[in-house]
Amino acid sequence: MADAEGVRHGAPDAIQVADRWHLWRGLAGAVEKSVIRHRADLRPPTETASTNDGIDNPCSARADPTGSGIADSRLATRTRERHAAVHQLLSQGETISSIARTLPTRP
């Protein structure tokens, strides 16, 4: 932020522009720091009846891992369905590029 302040004082009429790479780098750094800071808050996974629970069929209903009691949202369901579709097409030999062109972006 010192750079931005220096530019404001040195060239008050200049338009400041941040490029995408620096924005992503800053965001990634902030996320990493936050995850590291809150790592101790994460609970270890609990054992389930099946070790493959949800892996073979990611669209199957699952318990709320946070324990908050919030039911799966439409977004979570749609994401699991899309994940299953992508992996099915990958197993059929499709490329990521062709899958991205084939699957709709929204239902």
PDB file of N, CA and C in Angstrom:
ATOM      1  N   MET A   1       0.813  -1.190   0.000  1.00  0.00           N
ATOM      2  CA  MET A   1       0.000   0.000   0.000  1.00  0.00           C
ATOM      3  C   MET A   1       0.857   1.255   0.000  1.00  0.00           C
ATOM      4  N   ALA A   2       2.109   1.132   0.415  1.00  0.00           N
ATOM      5  CA  ALA A   2       2.999   2.291   0.396  1.00  0.00           C
ATOM      6  C   ALA A   2       3.228   2.758  -1.035  1.00  0.00           C
ATOM      7  N   ASP A   3       3.272   1.811  -1.987  1.00  0.00           N
ATOM      8  CA  ASP A   3       3.448   2.173  -3.395  1.00  0.00           C
ATOM      9  C   ASP A   3       2.291   3.033  -3.879  1.00  0.00           C
ATOM     10  N   ALA A   4       1.076   2.623  -3.531  1.00  0.00           N
ATOM     11  CA  ALA A   4      -0.110   3.364  -3.958  1.00  0.00           C
ATOM     12  C   ALA A   4      -0.104   4.772  -3.379  1.00  0.00           C
ATOM     13  N   GLU A   5       0.294   4.878  -2.113  1.00  0.00           N
ATOM     14  CA  GLU A   5       0.339   6.203  -1.500  1.00  0.00           C
ATOM     15  C   GLU A   5       1.412   7.077  -2.153  1.00  0.00           C
ATOM     16  N   GLY A   6       2.536   6.478  -2.476  1.00  0.00           N
ATOM     17  CA  GLY A   6       3.606   7.219  -3.153  1.00  0.00           C
ATOM     18  C   GLY A   6       3.158   7.738  -4.503  1.00  0.00           C
ATOM     19  N   VAL A   7       2.430   6.921  -5.232  1.00  0.00           N
ATOM     20  CA  VAL A   7       1.922   7.350  -6.539  1.00  0.00           C
ATOM     21  C   VAL A   7       0.913   8.472  -6.361  1.00  0.00           C
ATOM     22  N   ARG A   8       0.042   8.365  -5.358  1.00  0.00           N
ATOM     23  CA  ARG A   8      -0.955   9.422  -5.128  1.00  0.00           C
ATOM     24  C   ARG A   8      -0.285  10.769  -4.846  1.00  0.00           C
ATOM     25  N   HIS A   9       0.807  10.745  -4.085  1.00  0.00           N
ATOM     26  CA  HIS A   9       1.498  12.004  -3.775  1.00  0.00           C
ATOM     27  C   HIS A   9       2.340  12.488  -4.947  1.00  0.00           C
ATOM     28  N   GLY A  10       2.991  11.554  -5.639  1.00  0.00           N
ATOM     29  CA  GLY A  10       3.879  11.941  -6.733  1.00  0.00           C
ATOM     30  C   GLY A  10       3.155  12.315  -8.006  1.00  0.00           C
ATOM     31  N   ALA A  11       2.056  11.645  -8.284  1.00  0.00           N
ATOM     32  CA  ALA A  11       1.290  11.904  -9.498  1.00  0.00           C
ATOM     33  C   ALA A  11      -0.198  11.814  -9.172  1.00  0.00           C
ATOM     34  N   PRO A  12      -0.736  12.868  -8.569  1.00  0.00           N
ATOM     35  CA  PRO A  12      -2.125  12.815  -8.114  1.00  0.00           C
ATOM     36  C   PRO A  12      -3.144  12.629  -9.234  1.00  0.00           C
ATOM     37  N   ASP A  13      -2.796  12.974 -10.475  1.00  0.00           N
ATOM     38  CA  ASP A  13      -3.744  12.833 -11.585  1.00  0.00           C
ATOM     39  C   ASP A  13      -3.628  11.481 -12.294  1.00  0.00           C
ATOM     40  N   ALA A  14      -2.660  10.657 -11.898  1.00  0.00           N
ATOM     41  CA  ALA A  14      -2.465   9.362 -12.564  1.00  0.00           C
ATOM     42  C   ALA A  14      -3.568   8.383 -12.166  1.00  0.00           C
ATOM     43  N   ILE A  15      -3.911   7.530 -13.102  1.00  0.00           N
ATOM     44  CA  ILE A  15      -4.888   6.472 -12.829  1.00  0.00           C
ATOM     45  C   ILE A  15      -4.114   5.216 -12.457  1.00  0.00           C
ATOM     46  N   GLN A  16      -4.391   4.670 -11.277  1.00  0.00           N
ATOM     47  CA  GLN A  16      -3.689   3.475 -10.825  1.00  0.00           C
ATOM     48  C   GLN A  16      -4.454   2.238 -11.274  1.00  0.00           C
ATOM     49  N   VAL A  17      -3.722   1.276 -11.806  1.00  0.00           N
ATOM     50  CA  VAL A  17      -4.307   0.049 -12.312  1.00  0.00           C
ATOM     51  C   VAL A  17      -3.561  -1.132 -11.709  1.00  0.00           C
ATOM     52  N   ALA A  18      -4.295  -2.095 -11.188  1.00  0.00           N
ATOM     53  CA  ALA A  18      -3.685  -3.317 -10.658  1.00  0.00           C
ATOM     54  C   ALA A  18      -3.885  -4.414 -11.699  1.00  0.00           C
ATOM     55  N   ASP A  19      -2.826  -5.154 -11.996  1.00  0.00           N
ATOM     56  CA  ASP A  19      -2.982  -6.233 -12.964  1.00  0.00           C
ATOM     57  C   ASP A  19      -3.493  -7.490 -12.283  1.00  0.00           C
ATOM     58  N   ARG A  20      -4.055  -8.391 -13.071  1.00  0.00           N
ATOM     59  CA  ARG A  20      -4.680  -9.600 -12.527  1.00  0.00           C
ATOM     60  C   ARG A  20      -3.707 -10.465 -11.752  1.00  0.00           C
ATOM     61  N   TRP A  21      -2.492 -10.599 -12.255  1.00  0.00           N
ATOM     62  CA  TRP A  21      -1.518 -11.469 -11.585  1.00  0.00           C
ATOM     63  C   TRP A  21      -1.276 -11.001 -10.164  1.00  0.00           C
ATOM     64  N   HIS A  22      -1.076  -9.702  -9.958  1.00  0.00           N
ATOM     65  CA  HIS A  22      -0.829  -9.190  -8.615  1.00  0.00           C
ATOM     66  C   HIS A  22      -2.075  -9.321  -7.725  1.00  0.00           C
ATOM     67  N   LEU A  23      -3.256  -9.140  -8.310  1.00  0.00           N
ATOM     68  CA  LEU A  23      -4.478  -9.315  -7.527  1.00  0.00           C
ATOM     69  C   LEU A  23      -4.617 -10.767  -7.068  1.00  0.00           C
ATOM     70  N   TRP A  24      -4.399 -11.728  -7.988  1.00  0.00           N
ATOM     71  CA  TRP A  24      -4.481 -13.144  -7.616  1.00  0.00           C
ATOM     72  C   TRP A  24      -3.408 -13.517  -6.608  1.00  0.00           C
ATOM     73  N   ARG A  25      -2.212 -12.985  -6.800  1.00  0.00           N
ATOM     74  CA  ARG A  25      -1.115 -13.277  -5.863  1.00  0.00           C
ATOM     75  C   ARG A  25      -1.462 -12.772  -4.461  1.00  0.00           C
ATOM     76  N   GLY A  26      -2.006 -11.564  -4.392  1.00  0.00           N
ATOM     77  CA  GLY A  26      -2.403 -11.010  -3.102  1.00  0.00           C
ATOM     78  C   GLY A  26      -3.532 -11.805  -2.461  1.00  0.00           C
ATOM     79  N   LEU A  27      -4.513 -12.199  -3.271  1.00  0.00           N
ATOM     80  CA  LEU A  27      -5.621 -12.993  -2.754  1.00  0.00           C
ATOM     81  C   LEU A  27      -5.132 -14.352  -2.269  1.00  0.00           C
ATOM     82  N   ALA A  28      -4.288 -15.009  -3.058  1.00  0.00           N
ATOM     83  CA  ALA A  28      -3.764 -16.322  -2.665  1.00  0.00           C
ATOM     84  C   ALA A  28      -2.978 -16.220  -1.360  1.00  0.00           C
ATOM     85  N   GLY A  29      -2.188 -15.180  -1.219  1.00  0.00           N
ATOM     86  CA  GLY A  29      -1.430 -14.992   0.015  1.00  0.00           C
ATOM     87  C   GLY A  29      -2.338 -14.782   1.218  1.00  0.00           C
ATOM     88  N   ALA A  30      -3.384 -13.991   1.033  1.00  0.00           N
ATOM     89  CA  ALA A  30      -4.324 -13.737   2.133  1.00  0.00           C
ATOM     90  C   ALA A  30      -5.075 -15.009   2.507  1.00  0.00           C
ATOM     91  N   VAL A  31      -5.486 -15.786   1.516  1.00  0.00           N
ATOM     92  CA  VAL A  31      -6.190 -17.042   1.792  1.00  0.00           C
ATOM     93  C   VAL A  31      -5.263 -18.009   2.513  1.00  0.00           C
ATOM     94  N   GLU A  32      -4.026 -18.111   2.044  1.00  0.00           N
ATOM     95  CA  GLU A  32      -3.068 -19.020   2.673  1.00  0.00           C
ATOM     96  C   GLU A  32      -2.838 -18.645   4.141  1.00  0.00           C
ATOM     97  N   LYS A  33      -2.675 -17.369   4.412  1.00  0.00           N
ATOM     98  CA  LYS A  33      -2.475 -16.925   5.796  1.00  0.00           C
ATOM     99  C   LYS A  33      -3.692 -17.250   6.654  1.00  0.00           C
ATOM    100  N   SER A  34      -4.883 -17.049   6.090  1.00  0.00           N
ATOM    101  CA  SER A  34      -6.106 -17.331   6.833  1.00  0.00           C
ATOM    102  C   SER A  34      -6.248 -18.820   7.128  1.00  0.00           C
ATOM    103  N   VAL A  35      -5.948 -19.652   6.141  1.00  0.00           N
ATOM    104  CA  VAL A  35      -6.040 -21.104   6.343  1.00  0.00           C
ATOM    105  C   VAL A  35      -5.036 -21.558   7.391  1.00  0.00           C
ATOM    106  N   ILE A  36      -3.828 -21.052   7.317  1.00  0.00           N
ATOM    107  CA  ILE A  36      -2.803 -21.415   8.300  1.00  0.00           C
ATOM    108  C   ILE A  36      -3.238 -20.983   9.696  1.00  0.00           C
ATOM    109  N   ARG A  37      -3.781 -19.778   9.797  1.00  0.00           N
ATOM    110  CA  ARG A  37      -4.188 -19.235  11.090  1.00  0.00           C
ATOM    111  C   ARG A  37      -5.327 -20.057  11.704  1.00  0.00           C
ATOM    112  N   HIS A  38      -6.238 -20.578  10.872  1.00  0.00           N
ATOM    113  CA  HIS A  38      -7.397 -21.293  11.381  1.00  0.00           C
ATOM    114  C   HIS A  38      -7.277 -22.814  11.242  1.00  0.00           C
ATOM    115  N   ARG A  39      -6.111 -23.307  10.928  1.00  0.00           N
ATOM    116  CA  ARG A  39      -5.907 -24.754  10.740  1.00  0.00           C
ATOM    117  C   ARG A  39      -6.306 -25.542  11.986  1.00  0.00           C
ATOM    118  N   ALA A  40      -6.025 -25.027  13.152  1.00  0.00           N
ATOM    119  CA  ALA A  40      -6.336 -25.724  14.400  1.00  0.00           C
ATOM    120  C   ALA A  40      -7.848 -25.851  14.616  1.00  0.00           C
ATOM    121  N   ASP A  41      -8.646 -25.007  13.954  1.00  0.00           N
ATOM    122  CA  ASP A  41     -10.094 -25.054  14.109  1.00  0.00           C
ATOM    123  C   ASP A  41     -10.734 -26.204  13.333  1.00  0.00           C
ATOM    124  N   LEU A  42     -10.010 -26.772  12.388  1.00  0.00           N
ATOM    125  CA  LEU A  42     -10.557 -27.857  11.579  1.00  0.00           C
ATOM    126  C   LEU A  42     -10.604 -29.139  12.382  1.00  0.00           C
ATOM    127  N   ARG A  43     -11.695 -29.863  12.238  1.00  0.00           N
ATOM    128  CA  ARG A  43     -11.840 -31.145  12.919  1.00  0.00           C
ATOM    129  C   ARG A  43     -11.345 -32.253  12.007  1.00  0.00           C
ATOM    130  N   PRO A  44     -10.747 -33.296  12.583  1.00  0.00           N
ATOM    131  CA  PRO A  44     -10.324 -34.421  11.746  1.00  0.00           C
ATOM    132  C   PRO A  44     -11.551 -35.137  11.185  1.00  0.00           C
ATOM    133  N   PRO A  45     -11.414 -35.780  10.018  1.00  0.00           N
ATOM    134  CA  PRO A  45     -12.560 -36.477   9.445  1.00  0.00           C
ATOM    135  C   PRO A  45     -12.988 -37.637  10.334  1.00  0.00           C
ATOM    136  N   THR A  46     -14.274 -37.901  10.337  1.00  0.00           N
ATOM    137  CA  THR A  46     -14.788 -39.013  11.126  1.00  0.00           C
ATOM    138  C   THR A  46     -14.879 -40.244  10.243  1.00  0.00           C
ATOM    139  N   GLU A  47     -14.750 -41.409  10.860  1.00  0.00           N
ATOM    140  CA  GLU A  47     -14.873 -42.659  10.122  1.00  0.00           C
ATOM    141  C   GLU A  47     -16.322 -42.858   9.711  1.00  0.00           C
ATOM    142  N   THR A  48     -16.517 -43.402   8.520  1.00  0.00           N
ATOM    143  CA  THR A  48     -17.861 -43.694   8.037  1.00  0.00           C
ATOM    144  C   THR A  48     -17.985 -45.192   7.806  1.00  0.00           C
ATOM    145  N   ALA A  49     -19.183 -45.637   7.522  1.00  0.00           N
ATOM    146  CA  ALA A  49     -19.421 -47.066   7.314  1.00  0.00           C
ATOM    147  C   ALA A  49     -18.641 -47.586   6.118  1.00  0.00           C
ATOM    148  N   SER A  50     -18.470 -46.758   5.101  1.00  0.00           N
ATOM    149  CA  SER A  50     -17.743 -47.174   3.900  1.00  0.00           C
ATOM    150  C   SER A  50     -16.596 -46.215   3.667  1.00  0.00           C
ATOM    151  N   THR A  51     -15.431 -46.730   3.321  1.00  0.00           N
ATOM    152  CA  THR A  51     -14.288 -45.846   3.081  1.00  0.00           C
ATOM    153  C   THR A  51     -14.436 -45.082   1.785  1.00  0.00           C
ATOM    154  N   ASN A  52     -15.272 -45.566   0.855  1.00  0.00           N
ATOM    155  CA  ASN A  52     -15.490 -44.883  -0.418  1.00  0.00           C
ATOM    156  C   ASN A  52     -16.770 -44.061  -0.412  1.00  0.00           C
ATOM    157  N   ASP A  53     -17.331 -43.815   0.741  1.00  0.00           N
ATOM    158  CA  ASP A  53     -18.597 -43.103   0.834  1.00  0.00           C
ATOM    159  C   ASP A  53     -18.522 -41.769   0.100  1.00  0.00           C
ATOM    160  N   GLY A  54     -19.337 -41.631  -0.952  1.00  0.00           N
ATOM    161  CA  GLY A  54     -19.385 -40.378  -1.699  1.00  0.00           C
ATOM    162  C   GLY A  54     -18.379 -40.296  -2.814  1.00  0.00           C
ATOM    163  N   ILE A  55     -17.380 -41.184  -2.866  1.00  0.00           N
ATOM    164  CA  ILE A  55     -16.392 -41.108  -3.943  1.00  0.00           C
ATOM    165  C   ILE A  55     -16.929 -41.777  -5.195  1.00  0.00           C
ATOM    166  N   ASP A  56     -17.505 -42.987  -5.059  1.00  0.00           N
ATOM    167  CA  ASP A  56     -18.049 -43.678  -6.213  1.00  0.00           C
ATOM    168  C   ASP A  56     -19.279 -42.971  -6.756  1.00  0.00           C
ATOM    169  N   ASN A  57     -20.057 -42.375  -5.877  1.00  0.00           N
ATOM    170  CA  ASN A  57     -21.262 -41.676  -6.287  1.00  0.00           C
ATOM    171  C   ASN A  57     -21.315 -40.319  -5.589  1.00  0.00           C
ATOM    172  N   PRO A  58     -20.631 -39.327  -6.164  1.00  0.00           N
ATOM    173  CA  PRO A  58     -20.576 -38.021  -5.501  1.00  0.00           C
ATOM    174  C   PRO A  58     -21.917 -37.306  -5.457  1.00  0.00           C
ATOM    175  N   CYS A  59     -22.913 -37.789  -6.203  1.00  0.00           N
ATOM    176  CA  CYS A  59     -24.221 -37.145  -6.194  1.00  0.00           C
ATOM    177  C   CYS A  59     -25.105 -37.665  -5.079  1.00  0.00           C
ATOM    178  N   SER A  60     -24.640 -38.689  -4.368  1.00  0.00           N
ATOM    179  CA  SER A  60     -25.464 -39.241  -3.301  1.00  0.00           C
ATOM    180  C   SER A  60     -25.590 -38.233  -2.170  1.00  0.00           C
ATOM    181  N   ALA A  61     -26.684 -38.327  -1.438  1.00  0.00           N
ATOM    182  CA  ALA A  61     -26.908 -37.407  -0.321  1.00  0.00           C
ATOM    183  C   ALA A  61     -25.872 -37.674   0.758  1.00  0.00           C
ATOM    184  N   ARG A  62     -25.372 -36.607   1.355  1.00  0.00           N
ATOM    185  CA  ARG A  62     -24.368 -36.728   2.407  1.00  0.00           C
ATOM    186  C   ARG A  62     -24.791 -35.933   3.613  1.00  0.00           C
ATOM    187  N   ALA A  63     -24.238 -36.332   4.738  1.00  0.00           N
ATOM    188  CA  ALA A  63     -24.462 -35.572   5.962  1.00  0.00           C
ATOM    189  C   ALA A  63     -23.703 -34.259   5.869  1.00  0.00           C
ATOM    190  N   ASP A  64     -24.149 -33.283   6.584  1.00  0.00           N
ATOM    191  CA  ASP A  64     -23.486 -31.988   6.607  1.00  0.00           C
ATOM    192  C   ASP A  64     -22.174 -32.114   7.359  1.00  0.00           C
ATOM    193  N   PRO A  65     -21.006 -31.947   6.690  1.00  0.00           N
ATOM    194  CA  PRO A  65     -19.729 -32.148   7.362  1.00  0.00           C
ATOM    195  C   PRO A  65     -19.429 -31.115   8.436  1.00  0.00           C
ATOM    196  N   THR A  66     -20.081 -29.964   8.375  1.00  0.00           N
ATOM    197  CA  THR A  66     -19.816 -28.929   9.376  1.00  0.00           C
ATOM    198  C   THR A  66     -20.622 -29.145  10.636  1.00  0.00           C
ATOM    199  N   GLY A  67     -21.646 -29.988  10.550  1.00  0.00           N
ATOM    200  CA  GLY A  67     -22.490 -30.218  11.715  1.00  0.00           C
ATOM    201  C   GLY A  67     -23.412 -29.052  12.011  1.00  0.00           C
ATOM    202  N   SER A  68     -23.534 -28.132  11.064  1.00  0.00           N
ATOM    203  CA  SER A  68     -24.351 -26.944  11.296  1.00  0.00           C
ATOM    204  C   SER A  68     -25.828 -27.203  11.087  1.00  0.00           C
ATOM    205  N   GLY A  69     -26.164 -28.370  10.477  1.00  0.00           N
ATOM    206  CA  GLY A  69     -27.561 -28.688  10.241  1.00  0.00           C
ATOM    207  C   GLY A  69     -28.125 -28.055   8.991  1.00  0.00           C
ATOM    208  N   ILE A  70     -27.311 -27.352   8.234  1.00  0.00           N
ATOM    209  CA  ILE A  70     -27.779 -26.715   7.006  1.00  0.00           C
ATOM    210  C   ILE A  70     -27.842 -27.781   5.914  1.00  0.00           C
ATOM    211  N   ALA A  71     -28.984 -27.909   5.265  1.00  0.00           N
ATOM    212  CA  ALA A  71     -29.152 -28.902   4.208  1.00  0.00           C
ATOM    213  C   ALA A  71     -28.316 -28.500   2.992  1.00  0.00           C
ATOM    214  N   ASP A  72     -28.019 -29.517   2.158  1.00  0.00           N
ATOM    215  CA  ASP A  72     -27.285 -29.238   0.925  1.00  0.00           C
ATOM    216  C   ASP A  72     -28.029 -28.201   0.104  1.00  0.00           C
ATOM    217  N   SER A  73     -27.284 -27.273  -0.437  1.00  0.00           N
ATOM    218  CA  SER A  73     -27.883 -26.250  -1.273  1.00  0.00           C
ATOM    219  C   SER A  73     -27.971 -26.755  -2.709  1.00  0.00           C
ATOM    220  N   ARG A  74     -28.719 -26.048  -3.511  1.00  0.00           N
ATOM    221  CA  ARG A  74     -28.808 -26.403  -4.925  1.00  0.00           C
ATOM    222  C   ARG A  74     -27.442 -26.302  -5.584  1.00  0.00           C
ATOM    223  N   LEU A  75     -26.647 -25.313  -5.173  1.00  0.00           N
ATOM    224  CA  LEU A  75     -25.313 -25.152  -5.734  1.00  0.00           C
ATOM    225  C   LEU A  75     -24.443 -26.364  -5.422  1.00  0.00           C
ATOM    226  N   ALA A  76     -24.481 -26.832  -4.182  1.00  0.00           N
ATOM    227  CA  ALA A  76     -23.682 -27.995  -3.804  1.00  0.00           C
ATOM    228  C   ALA A  76     -24.123 -29.224  -4.584  1.00  0.00           C
ATOM    229  N   THR A  77     -25.415 -29.408  -4.740  1.00  0.00           N
ATOM    230  CA  THR A  77     -25.937 -30.547  -5.496  1.00  0.00           C
ATOM    231  C   THR A  77     -25.512 -30.456  -6.950  1.00  0.00           C
ATOM    232  N   ARG A  78     -25.660 -29.277  -7.536  1.00  0.00           N
ATOM    233  CA  ARG A  78     -25.284 -29.067  -8.938  1.00  0.00           C
ATOM    234  C   ARG A  78     -23.787 -29.293  -9.124  1.00  0.00           C
ATOM    235  N   THR A  79     -22.982 -28.855  -8.163  1.00  0.00           N
ATOM    236  CA  THR A  79     -21.530 -29.035  -8.252  1.00  0.00           C
ATOM    237  C   THR A  79     -21.175 -30.512  -8.213  1.00  0.00           C
ATOM    238  N   ARG A  80     -21.806 -31.270  -7.313  1.00  0.00           N
ATOM    239  CA  ARG A  80     -21.532 -32.717  -7.250  1.00  0.00           C
ATOM    240  C   ARG A  80     -21.945 -33.407  -8.544  1.00  0.00           C
ATOM    241  N   GLU A  81     -23.092 -33.014  -9.113  1.00  0.00           N
ATOM    242  CA  GLU A  81     -23.548 -33.614 -10.363  1.00  0.00           C
ATOM    243  C   GLU A  81     -22.589 -33.305 -11.503  1.00  0.00           C
ATOM    244  N   ARG A  82     -22.119 -32.080 -11.558  1.00  0.00           N
ATOM    245  CA  ARG A  82     -21.172 -31.691 -12.613  1.00  0.00           C
ATOM    246  C   ARG A  82     -19.855 -32.441 -12.437  1.00  0.00           C
ATOM    247  N   HIS A  83     -19.404 -32.591 -11.201  1.00  0.00           N
ATOM    248  CA  HIS A  83     -18.178 -33.335 -10.907  1.00  0.00           C
ATOM    249  C   HIS A  83     -18.308 -34.768 -11.408  1.00  0.00           C
ATOM    250  N   ALA A  84     -19.456 -35.396 -11.135  1.00  0.00           N
ATOM    251  CA  ALA A  84     -19.690 -36.774 -11.578  1.00  0.00           C
ATOM    252  C   ALA A  84     -19.694 -36.857 -13.102  1.00  0.00           C
ATOM    253  N   ALA A  85     -20.333 -35.883 -13.750  1.00  0.00           N
ATOM    254  CA  ALA A  85     -20.395 -35.875 -15.208  1.00  0.00           C
ATOM    255  C   ALA A  85     -19.004 -35.719 -15.819  1.00  0.00           C
ATOM    256  N   VAL A  86     -18.200 -34.829 -15.255  1.00  0.00           N
ATOM    257  CA  VAL A  86     -16.836 -34.616 -15.751  1.00  0.00           C
ATOM    258  C   VAL A  86     -16.038 -35.907 -15.632  1.00  0.00           C
ATOM    259  N   HIS A  87     -16.103 -36.565 -14.489  1.00  0.00           N
ATOM    260  CA  HIS A  87     -15.327 -37.787 -14.300  1.00  0.00           C
ATOM    261  C   HIS A  87     -15.832 -38.934 -15.170  1.00  0.00           C
ATOM    262  N   GLN A  88     -17.114 -38.964 -15.434  1.00  0.00           N
ATOM    263  CA  GLN A  88     -17.642 -39.989 -16.331  1.00  0.00           C
ATOM    264  C   GLN A  88     -17.093 -39.771 -17.740  1.00  0.00           C
ATOM    265  N   LEU A  89     -17.100 -38.537 -18.214  1.00  0.00           N
ATOM    266  CA  LEU A  89     -16.571 -38.234 -19.543  1.00  0.00           C
ATOM    267  C   LEU A  89     -15.058 -38.471 -19.611  1.00  0.00           C
ATOM    268  N   LEU A  90     -14.342 -38.152 -18.534  1.00  0.00           N
ATOM    269  CA  LEU A  90     -12.903 -38.428 -18.503  1.00  0.00           C
ATOM    270  C   LEU A  90     -12.638 -39.924 -18.621  1.00  0.00           C
ATOM    271  N   SER A  91     -13.447 -40.729 -17.947  1.00  0.00           N
ATOM    272  CA  SER A  91     -13.260 -42.182 -18.001  1.00  0.00           C
ATOM    273  C   SER A  91     -13.568 -42.735 -19.387  1.00  0.00           C
ATOM    274  N   GLN A  92     -14.323 -41.981 -20.188  1.00  0.00           N
ATOM    275  CA  GLN A  92     -14.636 -42.387 -21.556  1.00  0.00           C
ATOM    276  C   GLN A  92     -13.592 -41.885 -22.545  1.00  0.00           C
ATOM    277  N   GLY A  93     -12.537 -41.238 -22.025  1.00  0.00           N
ATOM    278  CA  GLY A  93     -11.450 -40.779 -22.880  1.00  0.00           C
ATOM    279  C   GLY A  93     -11.564 -39.362 -23.393  1.00  0.00           C
ATOM    280  N   GLU A  94     -12.561 -38.625 -22.939  1.00  0.00           N
ATOM    281  CA  GLU A  94     -12.711 -37.231 -23.368  1.00  0.00           C
ATOM    282  C   GLU A  94     -11.607 -36.368 -22.755  1.00  0.00           C
ATOM    283  N   THR A  95     -11.268 -35.283 -23.426  1.00  0.00           N
ATOM    284  CA  THR A  95     -10.287 -34.345 -22.886  1.00  0.00           C
ATOM    285  C   THR A  95     -11.009 -33.277 -22.069  1.00  0.00           C
ATOM    286  N   ILE A  96     -10.261 -32.612 -21.219  1.00  0.00           N
ATOM    287  CA  ILE A  96     -10.833 -31.532 -20.407  1.00  0.00           C
ATOM    288  C   ILE A  96     -11.413 -30.443 -21.311  1.00  0.00           C
ATOM    289  N   SER A  97     -10.705 -30.103 -22.375  1.00  0.00           N
ATOM    290  CA  SER A  97     -11.185 -29.057 -23.287  1.00  0.00           C
ATOM    291  C   SER A  97     -12.518 -29.426 -23.917  1.00  0.00           C
ATOM    292  N   SER A  98     -12.640 -30.674 -24.389  1.00  0.00           N
ATOM    293  CA  SER A  98     -13.901 -31.066 -25.024  1.00  0.00           C
ATOM    294  C   SER A  98     -15.022 -31.151 -23.993  1.00  0.00           C
ATOM    295  N   ILE A  99     -14.697 -31.565 -22.784  1.00  0.00           N
ATOM    296  CA  ILE A  99     -15.706 -31.614 -21.725  1.00  0.00           C
ATOM    297  C   ILE A  99     -16.193 -30.211 -21.404  1.00  0.00           C
ATOM    298  N   ALA A 100     -15.275 -29.271 -21.336  1.00  0.00           N
ATOM    299  CA  ALA A 100     -15.647 -27.887 -21.030  1.00  0.00           C
ATOM    300  C   ALA A 100     -16.564 -27.314 -22.127  1.00  0.00           C
ATOM    301  N   ARG A 101     -16.316 -27.704 -23.378  1.00  0.00           N
ATOM    302  CA  ARG A 101     -17.182 -27.234 -24.464  1.00  0.00           C
ATOM    303  C   ARG A 101     -18.523 -27.953 -24.455  1.00  0.00           C
ATOM    304  N   THR A 102     -18.537 -29.201 -24.014  1.00  0.00           N
ATOM    305  CA  THR A 102     -19.748 -30.022 -24.067  1.00  0.00           C
ATOM    306  C   THR A 102     -20.723 -29.731 -22.945  1.00  0.00           C
ATOM    307  N   LEU A 103     -20.229 -29.676 -21.717  1.00  0.00           N
ATOM    308  CA  LEU A 103     -21.107 -29.482 -20.569  1.00  0.00           C
ATOM    309  C   LEU A 103     -21.605 -28.037 -20.516  1.00  0.00           C
ATOM    310  N   PRO A 104     -22.889 -27.874 -20.201  1.00  0.00           N
ATOM    311  CA  PRO A 104     -23.401 -26.496 -20.073  1.00  0.00           C
ATOM    312  C   PRO A 104     -22.804 -25.830 -18.838  1.00  0.00           C
ATOM    313  N   THR A 105     -22.686 -24.512 -18.892  1.00  0.00           N
ATOM    314  CA  THR A 105     -22.143 -23.791 -17.742  1.00  0.00           C
ATOM    315  C   THR A 105     -23.200 -23.633 -16.665  1.00  0.00           C
ATOM    316  N   ARG A 106     -24.444 -23.635 -17.032  1.00  0.00           N
ATOM    317  CA  ARG A 106     -25.545 -23.525 -16.067  1.00  0.00           C
ATOM    318  C   ARG A 106     -26.624 -24.527 -16.468  1.00  0.00           C
ATOM    319  N   PRO A 107     -27.334 -25.045 -15.461  1.00  0.00           N
ATOM    320  CA  PRO A 107     -28.409 -25.993 -15.782  1.00  0.00           C
ATOM    321  C   PRO A 107     -29.582 -25.329 -16.461  1.00  0.00           C
TER     322      PRO A 107
END
